[in-house]
């Protein structure tokens, strides 16, 4: 590890790796710092991504694709169900192989990947961040940089220390529990989404196939709605009703933040990407695609800024360009989530039934989620009579 780099990236998840890869490819000298000693571990998400979300950054590779998604099944609390036939909808990844693959690409492009190093608070002088101390097994080093990219996940210490995000509030996160299971029989190309607020208040349960006999099965719930419910106990309730037999091979838990707007993304020469910037689909909790794209964009602009005398105006393009692609959807998903969490069981039935009207009996090759949400709200205007709770969500609009 040297003492100076053009770009320092903190965090070796999809967003950080994407940033390192794109910055190196554009000619910047890059150091990526990852706390864990193994890239891609531990896995802490359902691993789903759309074809579009992946192709914006990478071409698919069979080495890290667990299954291809060609449809989905939706289930309401009262037992209504429907199937969406959506060829080439997306993938269930194997992140334990996916992230090392990007890491190798970044290294081949010139990035230095430092595993087992923890970044401390960056030093701010004369209107910009200039250096950061890093620690590993008692060894301490100081690294200077021109651009800093924070990709250190939902609890991002870098973004919090910079004042870009506040501590996570219980009303602004989903608490998640997930099992990796084997020994089941499942349709390998058809994820399941179960909407049952008795089990997952304010959220949903997912079954994401990893193959014909294995899956990621989990749930997300809103802590302020779930009161003292234990996510794993709630997940166990679902498991006993959905599967006759199964073997748990992995157990994961965590939280997913909700989208907060563009104000989380940039401060001077610091760019924040992915979960660290809370660039999340608030309706589903999906975040791999936004992490990959925000990282790619941040890396490209970081390199461009360095090559043009560290011009701040170039970095200001980062939130603008990201929001030009994702802003409309993320804002609508945030609104839809505020409405979704208040639905009664019969209203959940209606939503699933309305989706059946739109999608049943035909193949769907592209879904405009924003348009679907608008159609549902047009059919059920009563859902928006009471305004959403935007508390803790400044500038989201």
Protein backbone atom coordinates (compact mmCIF):
# COMPACT_ATOMS: atom_id res chain seq x y z
CA UNK A 1 0.00 0.00 0.00
CA UNK A 2 1.38 3.37 -1.03
CA UNK A 3 0.84 6.71 0.71
CA UNK A 4 -0.95 8.50 -2.16
CA UNK A 5 -3.65 7.56 -4.69
CA UNK A 6 -5.93 9.39 -7.07
CA UNK A 7 -9.01 7.61 -5.72
CA UNK A 8 -9.60 5.74 -2.47
CA UNK A 9 -12.71 3.55 -2.29
CA UNK A 10 -13.92 2.41 1.14
CA UNK A 11 -15.91 -0.83 0.90
CA UNK A 12 -15.65 -3.92 -1.30
CA UNK A 13 -19.28 -4.69 -2.04
CA UNK A 14 -20.92 -4.26 -5.47
CA UNK A 15 -20.86 -0.45 -5.31
CA UNK A 16 -17.26 -0.12 -4.22
CA UNK A 17 -15.98 -2.74 -6.63
CA UNK A 18 -17.86 -1.11 -9.49
CA UNK A 19 -16.36 2.27 -8.58
CA UNK A 20 -12.83 0.86 -8.41
CA UNK A 21 -13.25 -0.96 -11.72
CA UNK A 22 -14.58 2.04 -13.64
CA UNK A 23 -12.07 4.50 -12.14
CA UNK A 24 -9.14 2.20 -12.96
CA UNK A 25 -10.39 1.59 -16.48
CA UNK A 26 -10.54 5.37 -16.95
CA UNK A 27 -6.90 5.73 -15.93
CA UNK A 28 -7.05 6.63 -12.23
CA UNK A 29 -4.74 5.15 -9.60
CA UNK A 30 -7.13 3.40 -7.21
CA UNK A 31 -6.96 1.85 -3.75
CA UNK A 32 -9.98 -0.12 -2.49
CA UNK A 33 -10.19 -0.87 1.25
CA UNK A 34 -12.31 -3.78 2.49
CA UNK A 35 -12.72 -4.61 6.19
CA UNK A 36 -13.32 -8.31 5.60
CA UNK A 37 -10.48 -10.57 4.52
CA UNK A 38 -12.55 -12.21 1.80
CA UNK A 39 -14.41 -10.33 -0.94
CA UNK A 40 -18.02 -11.50 -1.32
CA UNK A 41 -18.34 -12.72 2.27
CA UNK A 42 -20.50 -12.66 4.25
CA UNK A 43 -23.47 -12.67 1.87
CA UNK A 44 -26.32 -10.65 3.34
CA UNK A 45 -29.01 -10.22 0.70
CA UNK A 46 -31.48 -12.18 -1.44
CA UNK A 47 -29.14 -11.80 -4.47
CA UNK A 48 -31.75 -10.84 -7.07
CA UNK A 49 -31.17 -8.37 -9.90
CA UNK A 50 -33.00 -7.54 -13.12
CA UNK A 51 -31.43 -8.10 -16.54
CA UNK A 52 -31.52 -4.35 -17.14
CA UNK A 53 -29.94 -3.56 -13.78
CA UNK A 54 -27.03 -5.91 -14.44
CA UNK A 55 -26.47 -5.03 -18.09
CA UNK A 56 -26.00 -1.34 -17.26
CA UNK A 57 -22.65 -2.31 -15.76
CA UNK A 58 -21.71 -5.94 -16.56
CA UNK A 59 -22.41 -8.74 -18.98
CA UNK A 60 -23.87 -11.86 -17.30
CA UNK A 61 -21.51 -14.75 -16.62
CA UNK A 62 -22.68 -18.28 -15.84
CA UNK A 63 -19.93 -18.66 -13.26
CA UNK A 64 -21.81 -16.40 -10.82
CA UNK A 65 -25.44 -16.84 -11.84
CA UNK A 66 -27.34 -19.29 -9.63
CA UNK A 67 -30.57 -19.15 -11.62
CA UNK A 68 -32.31 -17.17 -14.34
CA UNK A 69 -35.65 -15.54 -13.60
CA UNK A 70 -38.44 -15.86 -16.17
CA UNK A 71 -41.46 -14.91 -14.08
CA UNK A 72 -42.80 -14.41 -10.58
CA UNK A 73 -45.64 -15.57 -8.35
CA UNK A 74 -47.47 -13.14 -6.08
CA UNK A 75 -49.51 -14.23 -3.05
CA UNK A 76 -51.77 -12.05 -0.90
CA UNK A 77 -52.55 -12.51 2.77
CA UNK A 78 -56.00 -13.96 2.08
CA UNK A 79 -54.68 -16.54 -0.37
CA UNK A 80 -55.13 -14.80 -3.72
CA UNK A 81 -52.28 -15.60 -6.11
CA UNK A 82 -51.16 -14.87 -9.65
CA UNK A 83 -48.27 -15.53 -12.02
CA UNK A 84 -46.36 -13.01 -14.13
CA UNK A 85 -44.79 -14.62 -17.22
CA UNK A 86 -41.71 -12.45 -17.75
CA UNK A 87 -39.00 -14.11 -19.89
CA UNK A 88 -35.47 -12.83 -19.25
CA UNK A 89 -36.59 -10.86 -16.22
CA UNK A 90 -33.39 -11.21 -14.25
CA UNK A 91 -31.04 -13.38 -12.26
CA UNK A 92 -30.43 -14.77 -8.81
CA UNK A 93 -26.71 -14.25 -8.30
CA UNK A 94 -24.11 -16.13 -6.34
CA UNK A 95 -22.56 -13.13 -4.65
CA UNK A 96 -19.77 -15.23 -3.15
CA UNK A 97 -18.51 -15.61 -6.74
CA UNK A 98 -19.97 -12.43 -8.27
CA UNK A 99 -18.00 -9.98 -6.14
CA UNK A 100 -14.62 -11.76 -6.43
CA UNK A 101 -15.20 -11.71 -10.21
CA UNK A 102 -15.56 -7.90 -10.20
CA UNK A 103 -12.63 -7.62 -7.79
CA UNK A 104 -10.42 -9.55 -10.22
CA UNK A 105 -11.57 -7.30 -13.07
CA UNK A 106 -10.72 -4.22 -11.00
CA UNK A 107 -7.27 -5.60 -10.13
CA UNK A 108 -6.63 -6.46 -13.77
CA UNK A 109 -7.55 -2.86 -14.64
CA UNK A 110 -4.99 -1.57 -12.12
CA UNK A 111 -6.84 -1.22 -8.81
CA UNK A 112 -5.10 -2.20 -5.59
CA UNK A 113 -7.46 -4.23 -3.38
CA UNK A 114 -6.51 -4.12 0.32
CA UNK A 115 -8.46 -6.73 2.32
CA UNK A 116 -8.62 -6.75 6.11
CA UNK A 117 -8.11 -2.97 6.38
CA UNK A 118 -10.53 -0.71 8.28
CA UNK A 119 -10.84 2.94 7.31
CA UNK A 120 -11.16 5.56 10.04
CA UNK A 121 -12.52 9.11 9.88
CA UNK A 122 -11.29 11.02 6.82
CA UNK A 123 -9.49 14.31 7.42
CA UNK A 124 -11.16 17.43 6.02
CA UNK A 125 -9.01 20.48 5.24
CA UNK A 126 -9.63 23.64 3.21
CA UNK A 127 -12.96 22.52 1.78
CA UNK A 128 -12.09 18.96 0.82
CA UNK A 129 -11.22 15.55 2.21
CA UNK A 130 -7.49 14.92 1.91
CA UNK A 131 -6.40 11.77 3.75
CA UNK A 132 -7.58 8.84 5.82
CA UNK A 133 -6.03 6.54 8.42
CA UNK A 134 -6.39 2.80 7.82
CA UNK A 135 -5.81 0.02 10.35
CA UNK A 136 -5.15 -3.73 10.12
CA UNK A 137 -4.05 -5.98 13.01
CA UNK A 138 -2.62 -3.06 14.92
CA UNK A 139 -0.78 -1.66 11.90
CA UNK A 140 -1.74 1.92 11.02
CA UNK A 141 -1.12 3.80 7.80
CA UNK A 142 -2.13 7.20 6.44
CA UNK A 143 -3.28 7.42 2.84
CA UNK A 144 -3.73 10.64 0.87
CA UNK A 145 -6.15 10.92 -2.04
CA UNK A 146 -7.75 13.32 -4.48
CA UNK A 147 -11.19 11.68 -4.50
CA UNK A 148 -12.84 9.56 -1.80
CA UNK A 149 -15.67 7.11 -2.57
CA UNK A 150 -17.68 5.77 0.37
CA UNK A 151 -19.15 2.34 -0.34
CA UNK A 152 -19.17 1.10 3.24
CA UNK A 153 -22.77 -0.11 3.41
CA UNK A 154 -25.90 0.87 5.26
CA UNK A 155 -24.13 1.93 8.46
CA UNK A 156 -21.64 4.01 6.45
CA UNK A 157 -19.35 5.68 8.97
CA UNK A 158 -17.82 7.80 6.21
CA UNK A 159 -21.18 9.26 5.09
CA UNK A 160 -22.29 9.83 8.69
CA UNK A 161 -19.02 11.52 9.65
CA UNK A 162 -19.41 13.77 6.61
CA UNK A 163 -22.94 14.71 7.70
CA UNK A 164 -24.58 13.26 4.59
CA UNK A 165 -26.74 10.69 6.40
CA UNK A 166 -28.23 10.46 9.87
CA UNK A 167 -28.33 7.37 12.10
CA UNK A 168 -30.92 4.88 10.89
CA UNK A 169 -34.37 5.27 12.47
CA UNK A 170 -36.60 2.23 13.14
CA UNK A 171 -39.27 3.80 10.91
CA UNK A 172 -36.80 4.18 8.04
CA UNK A 173 -35.49 0.62 7.80
CA UNK A 174 -36.75 -2.90 7.22
CA UNK A 175 -35.46 -5.59 9.56
CA UNK A 176 -34.64 -8.69 7.53
CA UNK A 177 -34.10 -12.37 8.26
CA UNK A 178 -33.14 -14.97 5.68
CA UNK A 179 -32.32 -18.67 5.41
CA UNK A 180 -30.43 -20.41 2.63
CA UNK A 181 -32.23 -23.75 2.37
CA UNK A 182 -31.76 -27.02 0.48
CA UNK A 183 -33.68 -30.24 0.05
CA UNK A 184 -36.80 -28.61 -1.39
CA UNK A 185 -38.66 -28.84 -4.68
CA UNK A 186 -39.12 -25.48 -6.35
CA UNK A 187 -39.51 -23.91 -9.80
CA UNK A 188 -35.96 -22.66 -10.41
CA UNK A 189 -36.92 -19.70 -12.61
CA UNK A 190 -39.87 -18.39 -10.57
CA UNK A 191 -39.33 -16.30 -7.43
CA UNK A 192 -42.24 -15.97 -5.01
CA UNK A 193 -43.44 -12.82 -3.24
CA UNK A 194 -45.81 -13.31 -0.30
CA UNK A 195 -47.63 -10.29 1.13
CA UNK A 196 -48.80 -11.20 4.61
CA UNK A 197 -48.74 -8.47 7.23
CA UNK A 198 -49.54 -10.95 10.01
CA UNK A 199 -46.09 -12.41 9.39
CA UNK A 200 -44.17 -9.47 7.87
CA UNK A 201 -45.84 -6.18 8.94
CA UNK A 202 -45.13 -3.46 6.38
CA UNK A 203 -43.00 -5.78 4.27
CA UNK A 204 -43.12 -9.11 2.47
CA UNK A 205 -41.67 -12.62 2.31
CA UNK A 206 -39.52 -13.78 -0.61
CA UNK A 207 -38.54 -17.17 -1.99
CA UNK A 208 -35.68 -16.72 -4.47
CA UNK A 209 -34.63 -20.01 -6.13
CA UNK A 210 -30.93 -20.78 -6.23
CA UNK A 211 -31.67 -23.94 -8.23
CA UNK A 212 -34.34 -26.67 -8.39
CA UNK A 213 -33.74 -27.76 -4.79
CA UNK A 214 -32.38 -24.66 -3.00
CA UNK A 215 -33.46 -21.09 -2.32
CA UNK A 216 -32.96 -17.90 -0.37
CA UNK A 217 -36.09 -17.54 1.78
CA UNK A 218 -36.47 -14.41 3.84
CA UNK A 219 -38.63 -11.57 5.00
CA UNK A 220 -38.43 -7.89 5.70
CA UNK A 221 -40.63 -6.10 8.20
CA UNK A 222 -40.87 -2.54 9.53
CA UNK A 223 -39.78 -2.52 13.20
CA UNK A 224 -42.20 0.22 14.24
CA UNK A 225 -45.09 -1.82 12.83
CA UNK A 226 -43.85 -5.19 14.05
CA UNK A 227 -43.47 -4.02 17.67
CA UNK A 228 -41.59 -6.78 19.47
CA UNK A 229 -41.85 -9.48 16.80
CA UNK A 230 -38.68 -11.44 16.16
CA UNK A 231 -37.94 -11.61 12.40
CA UNK A 232 -36.60 -15.17 12.58
CA UNK A 233 -39.58 -16.39 14.59
CA UNK A 234 -41.84 -14.81 11.97
CA UNK A 235 -39.84 -16.42 9.18
CA UNK A 236 -40.16 -19.79 10.91
CA UNK A 237 -43.95 -19.36 10.87
CA UNK A 238 -43.83 -18.97 7.10
CA UNK A 239 -41.40 -21.83 6.57
CA UNK A 240 -43.62 -24.32 8.38
CA UNK A 241 -46.56 -23.44 6.14
CA UNK A 242 -44.65 -23.25 2.83
CA UNK A 243 -42.27 -26.25 2.94
CA UNK A 244 -42.85 -29.81 4.12
CA UNK A 245 -39.15 -30.39 4.65
CA UNK A 246 -35.97 -28.40 4.20
CA UNK A 247 -32.42 -28.07 5.48
CA UNK A 248 -31.07 -24.69 6.59
CA UNK A 249 -27.50 -24.24 5.37
CA UNK A 250 -27.04 -20.55 6.11
CA UNK A 251 -28.70 -17.95 8.32
CA UNK A 252 -28.52 -14.22 7.63
CA UNK A 253 -29.94 -11.10 9.20
CA UNK A 254 -29.65 -7.36 8.70
CA UNK A 255 -31.49 -4.17 7.93
CA UNK A 256 -32.31 -2.41 4.67
CA UNK A 257 -32.55 1.40 4.65
CA UNK A 258 -35.19 3.30 2.72
CA UNK A 259 -34.40 5.80 -0.03
CA UNK A 260 -33.67 9.33 1.19
CA UNK A 261 -32.93 11.34 -1.93
CA UNK A 262 -29.93 12.86 -3.67
CA UNK A 263 -28.62 14.81 -0.66
CA UNK A 264 -26.82 11.67 0.58
CA UNK A 265 -24.58 11.31 -2.46
CA UNK A 266 -21.97 14.08 -2.57
CA UNK A 267 -19.96 16.43 -0.39
CA UNK A 268 -17.06 18.24 -2.02
CA UNK A 269 -14.67 15.48 -3.21
CA UNK A 270 -16.53 12.67 -1.40
CA UNK A 271 -18.98 10.56 -3.39
CA UNK A 272 -21.21 8.04 -1.61
CA UNK A 273 -22.57 5.02 -3.50
CA UNK A 274 -25.03 2.17 -3.07
CA UNK A 275 -26.43 1.30 0.34
CA UNK A 276 -24.10 3.82 1.99
CA UNK A 277 -26.03 6.58 0.19
CA UNK A 278 -29.31 4.72 0.85
CA UNK A 279 -29.95 4.37 -2.87
CA UNK A 280 -32.51 1.62 -2.32
CA UNK A 281 -35.80 0.59 -3.90
CA UNK A 282 -37.96 1.28 -0.83
CA UNK A 283 -40.75 -0.98 -2.09
CA UNK A 284 -38.74 -4.20 -2.53
CA UNK A 285 -35.47 -3.45 -0.75
CA UNK A 286 -33.50 -4.14 -3.94
CA UNK A 287 -30.14 -2.41 -4.07
CA UNK A 288 -27.59 -4.33 -6.16
CA UNK A 289 -28.42 -2.56 -9.43
CA UNK A 290 -28.32 0.92 -7.88
CA UNK A 291 -25.05 0.06 -6.12
CA UNK A 292 -23.43 -1.14 -9.34
CA UNK A 293 -24.58 1.85 -11.38
CA UNK A 294 -23.83 4.51 -8.75
CA UNK A 295 -20.37 2.96 -8.30
CA UNK A 296 -19.72 2.90 -12.03
CA UNK A 297 -20.77 6.54 -12.39
CA UNK A 298 -18.77 7.68 -9.35
CA UNK A 299 -15.65 5.90 -10.58
CA UNK A 300 -15.87 7.37 -14.06
CA UNK A 301 -16.42 10.91 -12.77
CA UNK A 302 -13.66 10.54 -10.17
CA UNK A 303 -11.16 9.65 -12.88
CA UNK A 304 -12.39 12.45 -15.12
CA UNK A 305 -12.06 14.96 -12.28
CA UNK A 306 -8.51 13.84 -11.48
CA UNK A 307 -7.50 14.10 -15.13
CA UNK A 308 -8.89 17.63 -15.31
CA UNK A 309 -7.22 19.18 -12.29
CA UNK A 310 -9.64 17.87 -9.64
CA UNK A 311 -12.48 20.02 -10.93
CA UNK A 312 -15.37 20.01 -8.45
CA UNK A 313 -17.88 20.78 -11.21
CA UNK A 314 -17.30 17.32 -12.69
CA UNK A 315 -18.17 15.59 -9.41
CA UNK A 316 -21.38 17.61 -9.15
CA UNK A 317 -22.60 15.66 -12.16
CA UNK A 318 -22.71 12.47 -10.06
CA UNK A 319 -26.09 12.91 -8.31
CA UNK A 320 -27.55 14.60 -11.39
CA UNK A 321 -26.68 11.75 -13.75
CA UNK A 322 -27.67 9.03 -11.29
CA UNK A 323 -31.05 10.61 -10.60
CA UNK A 324 -31.65 11.11 -14.32
CA UNK A 325 -31.68 7.30 -14.61
CA UNK A 326 -33.06 6.13 -11.25
CA UNK A 327 -34.62 9.16 -9.57
CA UNK A 328 -38.16 8.84 -10.95
CA UNK A 329 -38.39 5.18 -9.99
CA UNK A 330 -36.86 5.55 -6.53
CA UNK A 331 -39.16 8.44 -5.65
CA UNK A 332 -42.22 6.52 -6.82
CA UNK A 333 -41.12 3.38 -4.96
CA UNK A 334 -40.71 5.46 -1.81
CA UNK A 335 -44.24 6.83 -2.16
CA UNK A 336 -45.61 3.38 -2.97
CA UNK A 337 -43.97 1.90 0.11
CA UNK A 338 -45.55 4.51 2.35
CA UNK A 339 -48.93 3.49 0.93
CA UNK A 340 -48.21 -0.26 0.81
CA UNK A 341 -47.39 -0.49 4.51
CA UNK A 342 -50.87 0.82 5.39
CA UNK A 343 -52.85 -1.65 3.26
CA UNK A 344 -55.49 -3.90 4.77
CA UNK A 345 -55.64 -7.62 3.78
CA UNK A 346 -58.53 -7.01 1.38
CA UNK A 347 -56.58 -4.17 -0.25
CA UNK A 348 -53.59 -6.47 -0.70
CA UNK A 349 -56.01 -8.89 -2.39
CA UNK A 350 -57.06 -6.11 -4.74
CA UNK A 351 -53.47 -5.21 -5.63
CA UNK A 352 -52.64 -8.84 -6.48
CA UNK A 353 -55.90 -9.14 -8.42
CA UNK A 354 -55.22 -5.94 -10.33
CA UNK A 355 -51.75 -7.20 -11.22
CA UNK A 356 -53.44 -10.31 -12.58
CA UNK A 357 -55.65 -8.12 -14.81
CA UNK A 358 -52.54 -6.49 -16.25
CA UNK A 359 -50.24 -9.49 -16.65
CA UNK A 360 -52.22 -12.76 -16.66
CA UNK A 361 -52.33 -14.83 -19.84
CA UNK A 362 -49.59 -13.03 -21.72
CA UNK A 363 -45.83 -12.79 -21.84
CA UNK A 364 -44.36 -9.58 -20.48
CA UNK A 365 -40.98 -8.45 -21.72
CA UNK A 366 -40.75 -5.12 -19.92
CA UNK A 367 -42.50 -3.82 -16.82
CA UNK A 368 -42.81 -0.10 -16.19
CA UNK A 369 -43.17 -0.33 -12.41
CA UNK A 370 -43.96 3.36 -12.08
CA UNK A 371 -46.81 3.01 -14.58
CA UNK A 372 -48.19 -0.04 -12.73
CA UNK A 373 -48.14 1.85 -9.42
CA UNK A 374 -49.94 4.79 -11.01
CA UNK A 375 -52.61 2.50 -12.44
CA UNK A 376 -53.20 0.94 -9.03
CA UNK A 377 -53.49 4.36 -7.38
CA UNK A 378 -55.86 5.51 -10.12
CA UNK A 379 -58.07 2.46 -9.54
CA UNK A 380 -57.92 2.90 -5.74
CA UNK A 381 -57.63 6.68 -5.14
CA UNK A 382 -58.55 6.18 -1.50
CA UNK A 383 -55.07 4.83 -0.88
CA UNK A 384 -53.60 8.31 -1.24
CA UNK A 385 -56.22 10.24 0.71
CA UNK A 386 -53.95 10.31 3.75
CA UNK A 387 -50.51 11.72 2.97
CA UNK A 388 -47.45 9.51 3.29
CA UNK A 389 -45.20 9.89 6.32
CA UNK A 390 -42.09 11.64 5.06
CA UNK A 391 -40.58 12.03 8.55
CA UNK A 392 -36.86 11.36 8.48
CA UNK A 393 -36.94 11.49 4.68
CA UNK A 394 -35.80 15.01 3.90
CA UNK A 395 -35.40 16.05 0.30
CA UNK A 396 -36.83 12.74 -0.93
CA UNK A 397 -39.33 14.57 -3.06
